[in-house]
Amino acid sequence: EHGYQFVNDGKGYKVAFFPLYPTLIYLSKIMGFD
C-alpha cells in the first residue's frame, strides 16, 4: 500500500522484508484482487 519506508521509532522496520512477495501482491492488486 505505501512502499518501503523507514521510521526510526524503535519498532519493526519494513526495509527488513525482501521485495518479491509484496511485488507479486501489488501486481495482483493492479489486476483487481484484494
All heavy atoms as atom14 arrays in JSON, in Angstrom:
{
  "sequence": "EHGYQFVNDGKGYKVAFFPLYPTLIYLSKIMGFD",
  "atom14_mask": [
    [1, 1, 1, 1, 1, 1, 1, 1, 1, 0, 0, 0, 0, 0],
    [1, 1, 1, 1, 1, 1, 1, 1, 1, 1, 0, 0, 0, 0],
    [1, 1, 1, 1, 0, 0, 0, 0, 0, 0, 0, 0, 0, 0],
    [1, 1, 1, 1, 1, 1, 1, 1, 1, 1, 1, 1, 0, 0],
    [1, 1, 1, 1, 1, 1, 1, 1, 1, 0, 0, 0, 0, 0],
    [1, 1, 1, 1, 1, 1, 1, 1, 1, 1, 1, 0, 0, 0],
    [1, 1, 1, 1, 1, 1, 1, 0, 0, 0, 0, 0, 0, 0],
    [1, 1, 1, 1, 1, 1, 1, 1, 0, 0, 0, 0, 0, 0],
    [1, 1, 1, 1, 1, 1, 1, 1, 0, 0, 0, 0, 0, 0],
    [1, 1, 1, 1, 0, 0, 0, 0, 0, 0, 0, 0, 0, 0],
    [1, 1, 1, 1, 1, 1, 1, 1, 1, 0, 0, 0, 0, 0],
    [1, 1, 1, 1, 0, 0, 0, 0, 0, 0, 0, 0, 0, 0],
    [1, 1, 1, 1, 1, 1, 1, 1, 1, 1, 1, 1, 0, 0],
    [1, 1, 1, 1, 1, 1, 1, 1, 1, 0, 0, 0, 0, 0],
    [1, 1, 1, 1, 1, 1, 1, 0, 0, 0, 0, 0, 0, 0],
    [1, 1, 1, 1, 1, 0, 0, 0, 0, 0, 0, 0, 0, 0],
    [1, 1, 1, 1, 1, 1, 1, 1, 1, 1, 1, 0, 0, 0],
    [1, 1, 1, 1, 1, 1, 1, 1, 1, 1, 1, 0, 0, 0],
    [1, 1, 1, 1, 1, 1, 1, 0, 0, 0, 0, 0, 0, 0],
    [1, 1, 1, 1, 1, 1, 1, 1, 0, 0, 0, 0, 0, 0],
    [1, 1, 1, 1, 1, 1, 1, 1, 1, 1, 1, 1, 0, 0],
    [1, 1, 1, 1, 1, 1, 1, 0, 0, 0, 0, 0, 0, 0],
    [1, 1, 1, 1, 1, 1, 1, 0, 0, 0, 0, 0, 0, 0],
    [1, 1, 1, 1, 1, 1, 1, 1, 0, 0, 0, 0, 0, 0],
    [1, 1, 1, 1, 1, 1, 1, 1, 0, 0, 0, 0, 0, 0],
    [1, 1, 1, 1, 1, 1, 1, 1, 1, 1, 1, 1, 0, 0],
    [1, 1, 1, 1, 1, 1, 1, 1, 0, 0, 0, 0, 0, 0],
    [1, 1, 1, 1, 1, 1, 0, 0, 0, 0, 0, 0, 0, 0],
    [1, 1, 1, 1, 1, 1, 1, 1, 1, 0, 0, 0, 0, 0],
    [1, 1, 1, 1, 1, 1, 1, 1, 0, 0, 0, 0, 0, 0],
    [1, 1, 1, 1, 1, 1, 1, 1, 0, 0, 0, 0, 0, 0],
    [1, 1, 1, 1, 0, 0, 0, 0, 0, 0, 0, 0, 0, 0],
    [1, 1, 1, 1, 1, 1, 1, 1, 1, 1, 1, 0, 0, 0],
    [1, 1, 1, 1, 1, 1, 1, 1, 0, 0, 0, 0, 0, 0]
  ],
  "atom14_positions": [
    [[0.8, -1.22, 0.0], [0.0, 0.0, 0.0], [0.84, 1.27, 0.0], [0.47, 2.27, -0.63], [-0.93, 0.01, 1.22], [-1.95, -1.12, 1.24], [-2.96, -1.01, 0.12], [-3.12, 0.09, -0.45], [-3.59, -2.04, -0.21], [0.0, 0.0, 0.0], [0.0, 0.0, 0.0], [0.0, 0.0, 0.0], [0.0, 0.0, 0.0], [0.0, 0.0, 0.0]],
    [[1.98, 1.26, 0.69], [2.73, 2.51, 0.9], [4.19, 2.44, 0.47], [4.9, 3.45, 0.58], [2.66, 2.91, 2.37], [1.27, 2.99, 2.92], [0.38, 3.97, 2.54], [0.61, 2.18, 3.8], [-0.78, 3.78, 3.17], [-0.68, 2.71, 3.94], [0.0, 0.0, 0.0], [0.0, 0.0, 0.0], [0.0, 0.0, 0.0], [0.0, 0.0, 0.0]],
    [[4.64, 1.29, 0.02], [6.04, 1.16, -0.37], [6.95, 1.03, 0.84], [6.49, 0.92, 1.99], [0.0, 0.0, 0.0], [0.0, 0.0, 0.0], [0.0, 0.0, 0.0], [0.0, 0.0, 0.0], [0.0, 0.0, 0.0], [0.0, 0.0, 0.0], [0.0, 0.0, 0.0], [0.0, 0.0, 0.0], [0.0, 0.0, 0.0], [0.0, 0.0, 0.0]],
    [[8.25, 1.05, 0.58], [9.22, 0.93, 1.66], [9.43, 2.29, 2.32], [9.67, 3.3, 1.67], [10.56, 0.41, 1.13], [10.56, -1.07, 0.87], [10.28, -1.57, -0.4], [10.83, -1.98, 1.89], [10.28, -2.94, -0.65], [10.83, -3.34, 1.66], [10.57, -3.81, 0.39], [10.55, -5.17, 0.15], [0.0, 0.0, 0.0], [0.0, 0.0, 0.0]],
    [[9.34, 2.3, 3.65], [9.58, 3.5, 4.43], [10.38, 3.12, 5.66], [10.25, 2.0, 6.19], [8.25, 4.14, 4.85], [7.38, 4.61, 3.68], [6.0, 5.05, 4.14], [5.48, 4.57, 5.14], [5.42, 5.98, 3.4], [0.0, 0.0, 0.0], [0.0, 0.0, 0.0], [0.0, 0.0, 0.0], [0.0, 0.0, 0.0], [0.0, 0.0, 0.0]],
    [[11.2, 4.05, 6.14], [11.97, 3.8, 7.35], [11.69, 4.91, 8.35], [11.9, 6.09, 8.06], [13.47, 3.74, 7.06], [14.32, 3.57, 8.29], [14.45, 2.32, 8.87], [14.94, 4.65, 8.88], [15.21, 2.15, 10.02], [15.71, 4.5, 10.03], [15.84, 3.25, 10.6], [0.0, 0.0, 0.0], [0.0, 0.0, 0.0], [0.0, 0.0, 0.0]],
    [[11.21, 4.52, 9.5], [10.96, 5.45, 10.6], [11.7, 4.93, 11.82], [11.43, 3.82, 12.3], [9.45, 5.58, 10.91], [9.25, 6.54, 12.07], [8.69, 6.05, 9.67], [0.0, 0.0, 0.0], [0.0, 0.0, 0.0], [0.0, 0.0, 0.0], [0.0, 0.0, 0.0], [0.0, 0.0, 0.0], [0.0, 0.0, 0.0], [0.0, 0.0, 0.0]],
    [[12.63, 5.69, 12.31], [13.45, 5.26, 13.45], [12.67, 5.42, 14.75], [12.96, 6.27, 15.58], [14.75, 6.06, 13.49], [15.76, 5.47, 14.47], [15.61, 4.32, 14.9], [16.77, 6.24, 14.81], [0.0, 0.0, 0.0], [0.0, 0.0, 0.0], [0.0, 0.0, 0.0], [0.0, 0.0, 0.0], [0.0, 0.0, 0.0], [0.0, 0.0, 0.0]],
    [[11.66, 4.55, 14.92], [10.79, 4.65, 16.1], [10.98, 3.48, 17.07], [10.22, 3.32, 18.02], [9.32, 4.7, 15.66], [8.94, 3.53, 14.78], [9.78, 2.64, 14.57], [7.78, 3.5, 14.31], [0.0, 0.0, 0.0], [0.0, 0.0, 0.0], [0.0, 0.0, 0.0], [0.0, 0.0, 0.0], [0.0, 0.0, 0.0], [0.0, 0.0, 0.0]],
    [[12.0, 2.67, 16.81], [12.27, 1.55, 17.71], [11.37, 0.36, 17.49], [11.46, -0.64, 18.22], [0.0, 0.0, 0.0], [0.0, 0.0, 0.0], [0.0, 0.0, 0.0], [0.0, 0.0, 0.0], [0.0, 0.0, 0.0], [0.0, 0.0, 0.0], [0.0, 0.0, 0.0], [0.0, 0.0, 0.0], [0.0, 0.0, 0.0], [0.0, 0.0, 0.0]],
    [[10.5, 0.41, 16.48], [9.6, -0.69, 16.2], [10.11, -1.48, 14.99], [11.24, -1.31, 14.56], [8.19, -0.15, 15.94], [7.6, 0.61, 17.11], [6.2, 1.1, 16.79], [5.63, 1.87, 17.98], [4.27, 2.4, 17.7], [0.0, 0.0, 0.0], [0.0, 0.0, 0.0], [0.0, 0.0, 0.0], [0.0, 0.0, 0.0], [0.0, 0.0, 0.0]],
    [[9.28, -2.33, 14.43], [9.69, -3.13, 13.28], [9.89, -2.26, 12.05], [9.22, -1.24, 11.87], [0.0, 0.0, 0.0], [0.0, 0.0, 0.0], [0.0, 0.0, 0.0], [0.0, 0.0, 0.0], [0.0, 0.0, 0.0], [0.0, 0.0, 0.0], [0.0, 0.0, 0.0], [0.0, 0.0, 0.0], [0.0, 0.0, 0.0], [0.0, 0.0, 0.0]],
    [[10.82, -2.65, 11.2], [11.14, -1.86, 10.02], [10.77, -2.64, 8.75], [11.16, -3.8, 8.57], [12.63, -1.52, 9.99], [13.1, -0.8, 11.23], [14.24, -1.22, 11.91], [12.41, 0.3, 11.73], [14.68, -0.56, 13.05], [12.84, 0.96, 12.86], [13.97, 0.53, 13.53], [14.39, 1.17, 14.65], [0.0, 0.0, 0.0], [0.0, 0.0, 0.0]],
    [[10.08, -2.0, 7.84], [9.68, -2.63, 6.6], [10.86, -2.93, 5.69], [10.78, -3.82, 4.84], [8.66, -1.75, 5.87], [7.31, -1.65, 6.54], [6.31, -0.93, 5.68], [6.65, 0.54, 5.57], [5.63, 1.29, 4.8], [0.0, 0.0, 0.0], [0.0, 0.0, 0.0], [0.0, 0.0, 0.0], [0.0, 0.0, 0.0], [0.0, 0.0, 0.0]],
    [[11.95, -2.19, 5.85], [13.1, -2.38, 4.97], [13.76, -3.74, 5.19], [14.6, -4.17, 4.4], [14.14, -1.26, 5.17], [13.6, 0.07, 4.69], [14.57, -1.17, 6.63], [0.0, 0.0, 0.0], [0.0, 0.0, 0.0], [0.0, 0.0, 0.0], [0.0, 0.0, 0.0], [0.0, 0.0, 0.0], [0.0, 0.0, 0.0], [0.0, 0.0, 0.0]],
    [[13.38, -4.45, 6.23], [13.94, -5.77, 6.5], [13.29, -6.86, 5.66], [13.79, -7.99, 5.62], [13.78, -6.11, 7.99], [0.0, 0.0, 0.0], [0.0, 0.0, 0.0], [0.0, 0.0, 0.0], [0.0, 0.0, 0.0], [0.0, 0.0, 0.0], [0.0, 0.0, 0.0], [0.0, 0.0, 0.0], [0.0, 0.0, 0.0], [0.0, 0.0, 0.0]],
    [[12.21, -6.51, 4.96], [11.46, -7.51, 4.19], [11.79, -7.41, 2.71], [11.77, -6.32, 2.14], [9.96, -7.33, 4.44], [9.57, -7.57, 5.87], [9.59, -6.53, 6.79], [9.21, -8.84, 6.3], [9.25, -6.75, 8.11], [8.86, -9.07, 7.62], [8.89, -8.02, 8.54], [0.0, 0.0, 0.0], [0.0, 0.0, 0.0], [0.0, 0.0, 0.0]],
    [[12.08, -8.54, 2.1], [12.52, -8.59, 0.71], [11.34, -8.29, -0.24], [10.18, -8.51, 0.1], [13.15, -9.94, 0.41], [14.56, -10.06, 0.93], [14.88, -9.62, 2.2], [15.57, -10.61, 0.16], [16.18, -9.72, 2.7], [16.87, -10.72, 0.64], [17.17, -10.27, 1.91], [0.0, 0.0, 0.0], [0.0, 0.0, 0.0], [0.0, 0.0, 0.0]],
    [[11.62, -7.82, -1.45], [10.58, -7.21, -2.29], [9.73, -8.12, -3.17], [8.66, -7.7, -3.62], [11.39, -6.26, -3.18], [12.71, -6.94, -3.34], [12.97, -7.59, -2.01], [0.0, 0.0, 0.0], [0.0, 0.0, 0.0], [0.0, 0.0, 0.0], [0.0, 0.0, 0.0], [0.0, 0.0, 0.0], [0.0, 0.0, 0.0], [0.0, 0.0, 0.0]],
    [[10.15, -9.36, -3.46], [9.43, -10.13, -4.47], [7.99, -10.43, -4.06], [7.06, -10.24, -4.86], [10.17, -11.45, -4.75], [9.51, -12.34, -5.82], [9.42, -11.6, -7.16], [10.26, -13.65, -5.99], [0.0, 0.0, 0.0], [0.0, 0.0, 0.0], [0.0, 0.0, 0.0], [0.0, 0.0, 0.0], [0.0, 0.0, 0.0], [0.0, 0.0, 0.0]],
    [[7.79, -10.89, -2.86], [6.44, -11.26, -2.41], [5.49, -10.07, -2.42], [4.4, -10.16, -3.02], [6.53, -11.9, -1.03], [5.23, -12.48, -0.53], [4.53, -13.44, -1.25], [4.69, -12.09, 0.7], [3.35, -13.99, -0.79], [3.51, -12.62, 1.18], [2.85, -13.58, 0.43], [1.67, -14.12, 0.9], [0.0, 0.0, 0.0], [0.0, 0.0, 0.0]],
    [[5.85, -8.93, -1.8], [4.93, -7.78, -1.89], [4.76, -7.27, -3.32], [3.7, -6.73, -3.65], [5.59, -6.73, -0.99], [6.98, -7.16, -0.81], [6.98, -8.65, -0.9], [0.0, 0.0, 0.0], [0.0, 0.0, 0.0], [0.0, 0.0, 0.0], [0.0, 0.0, 0.0], [0.0, 0.0, 0.0], [0.0, 0.0, 0.0], [0.0, 0.0, 0.0]],
    [[5.75, -7.45, -4.17], [5.62, -7.04, -5.58], [4.56, -7.88, -6.27], [3.73, -7.35, -7.03], [6.96, -7.18, -6.32], [7.93, -6.33, -5.72], [6.8, -6.81, -7.79], [0.0, 0.0, 0.0], [0.0, 0.0, 0.0], [0.0, 0.0, 0.0], [0.0, 0.0, 0.0], [0.0, 0.0, 0.0], [0.0, 0.0, 0.0], [0.0, 0.0, 0.0]],
    [[4.55, -9.18, -6.04], [3.54, -10.05, -6.63], [2.14, -9.7, -6.12], [1.17, -9.71, -6.88], [3.86, -11.52, -6.3], [5.12, -12.1, -6.96], [5.36, -13.52, -6.47], [5.0, -12.06, -8.47], [0.0, 0.0, 0.0], [0.0, 0.0, 0.0], [0.0, 0.0, 0.0], [0.0, 0.0, 0.0], [0.0, 0.0, 0.0], [0.0, 0.0, 0.0]],
    [[2.05, -9.36, -4.85], [0.75, -8.95, -4.29], [0.31, -7.64, -4.93], [-0.87, -7.45, -5.27], [0.83, -8.8, -2.76], [1.16, -10.14, -2.1], [-0.48, -8.25, -2.2], [1.35, -10.06, -0.6], [0.0, 0.0, 0.0], [0.0, 0.0, 0.0], [0.0, 0.0, 0.0], [0.0, 0.0, 0.0], [0.0, 0.0, 0.0], [0.0, 0.0, 0.0]],
    [[1.26, -6.72, -5.12], [0.95, -5.43, -5.74], [0.45, -5.62, -7.17], [-0.52, -4.98, -7.59], [2.18, -4.53, -5.71], [1.95, -3.19, -6.36], [1.24, -2.19, -5.7], [2.44, -2.92, -7.65], [1.02, -0.95, -6.3], [2.22, -1.7, -8.25], [1.51, -0.71, -7.58], [1.29, 0.5, -8.17], [0.0, 0.0, 0.0], [0.0, 0.0, 0.0]],
    [[1.11, -6.5, -7.92], [0.67, -6.76, -9.29], [-0.73, -7.37, -9.3], [-1.54, -7.07, -10.19], [1.67, -7.71, -9.98], [3.06, -7.13, -10.24], [3.98, -8.2, -10.82], [3.0, -5.93, -11.17], [0.0, 0.0, 0.0], [0.0, 0.0, 0.0], [0.0, 0.0, 0.0], [0.0, 0.0, 0.0], [0.0, 0.0, 0.0], [0.0, 0.0, 0.0]],
    [[-1.0, -8.21, -8.33], [-2.35, -8.79, -8.21], [-3.37, -7.72, -7.87], [-4.52, -7.76, -8.35], [-2.36, -9.88, -7.12], [-1.46, -10.92, -7.43], [0.0, 0.0, 0.0], [0.0, 0.0, 0.0], [0.0, 0.0, 0.0], [0.0, 0.0, 0.0], [0.0, 0.0, 0.0], [0.0, 0.0, 0.0], [0.0, 0.0, 0.0], [0.0, 0.0, 0.0]],
    [[-2.95, -6.76, -7.08], [-3.84, -5.65, -6.73], [-4.2, -4.83, -7.97], [-5.36, -4.42, -8.15], [-3.17, -4.75, -5.68], [-3.98, -3.52, -5.3], [-3.19, -2.61, -4.38], [-3.97, -1.33, -4.12], [-3.18, -0.36, -3.3], [0.0, 0.0, 0.0], [0.0, 0.0, 0.0], [0.0, 0.0, 0.0], [0.0, 0.0, 0.0], [0.0, 0.0, 0.0]],
    [[-3.21, -4.6, -8.83], [-3.45, -3.87, -10.08], [-4.48, -4.61, -10.94], [-5.3, -4.01, -11.63], [-2.13, -3.67, -10.85], [-1.19, -2.74, -10.08], [-2.4, -3.11, -12.25], [0.16, -2.57, -10.72], [0.0, 0.0, 0.0], [0.0, 0.0, 0.0], [0.0, 0.0, 0.0], [0.0, 0.0, 0.0], [0.0, 0.0, 0.0], [0.0, 0.0, 0.0]],
    [[-4.44, -5.95, -10.86], [-5.36, -6.78, -11.63], [-6.76, -6.84, -11.02], [-7.67, -7.43, -11.58], [-4.79, -8.19, -11.78], [-3.5, -8.24, -12.56], [-2.68, -9.87, -12.45], [-3.95, -10.91, -13.18], [0.0, 0.0, 0.0], [0.0, 0.0, 0.0], [0.0, 0.0, 0.0], [0.0, 0.0, 0.0], [0.0, 0.0, 0.0], [0.0, 0.0, 0.0]],
    [[-6.92, -6.23, -9.84], [-8.24, -6.16, -9.23], [-8.44, -7.01, -7.99], [-9.53, -7.01, -7.41], [0.0, 0.0, 0.0], [0.0, 0.0, 0.0], [0.0, 0.0, 0.0], [0.0, 0.0, 0.0], [0.0, 0.0, 0.0], [0.0, 0.0, 0.0], [0.0, 0.0, 0.0], [0.0, 0.0, 0.0], [0.0, 0.0, 0.0], [0.0, 0.0, 0.0]],
    [[-7.4, -7.71, -7.55], [-7.53, -8.56, -6.37], [-7.33, -7.74, -5.09], [-6.53, -6.8, -5.08], [-6.5, -9.68, -6.39], [-6.8, -10.78, -7.38], [-6.3, -10.7, -8.68], [-7.57, -11.87, -7.02], [-6.56, -11.7, -9.6], [-7.84, -12.87, -7.93], [-7.34, -12.79, -9.22], [0.0, 0.0, 0.0], [0.0, 0.0, 0.0], [0.0, 0.0, 0.0]],
    [[-8.03, -8.14, -4.05], [-7.77, -7.57, -2.73], [-6.4, -8.06, -2.27], [-6.1, -9.25, -2.4], [-8.85, -8.02, -1.75], [-8.63, -7.45, -0.36], [-7.81, -8.02, 0.4], [-9.28, -6.45, -0.02], [0.0, 0.0, 0.0], [0.0, 0.0, 0.0], [0.0, 0.0, 0.0], [0.0, 0.0, 0.0], [0.0, 0.0, 0.0], [0.0, 0.0, 0.0]]
  ]
}
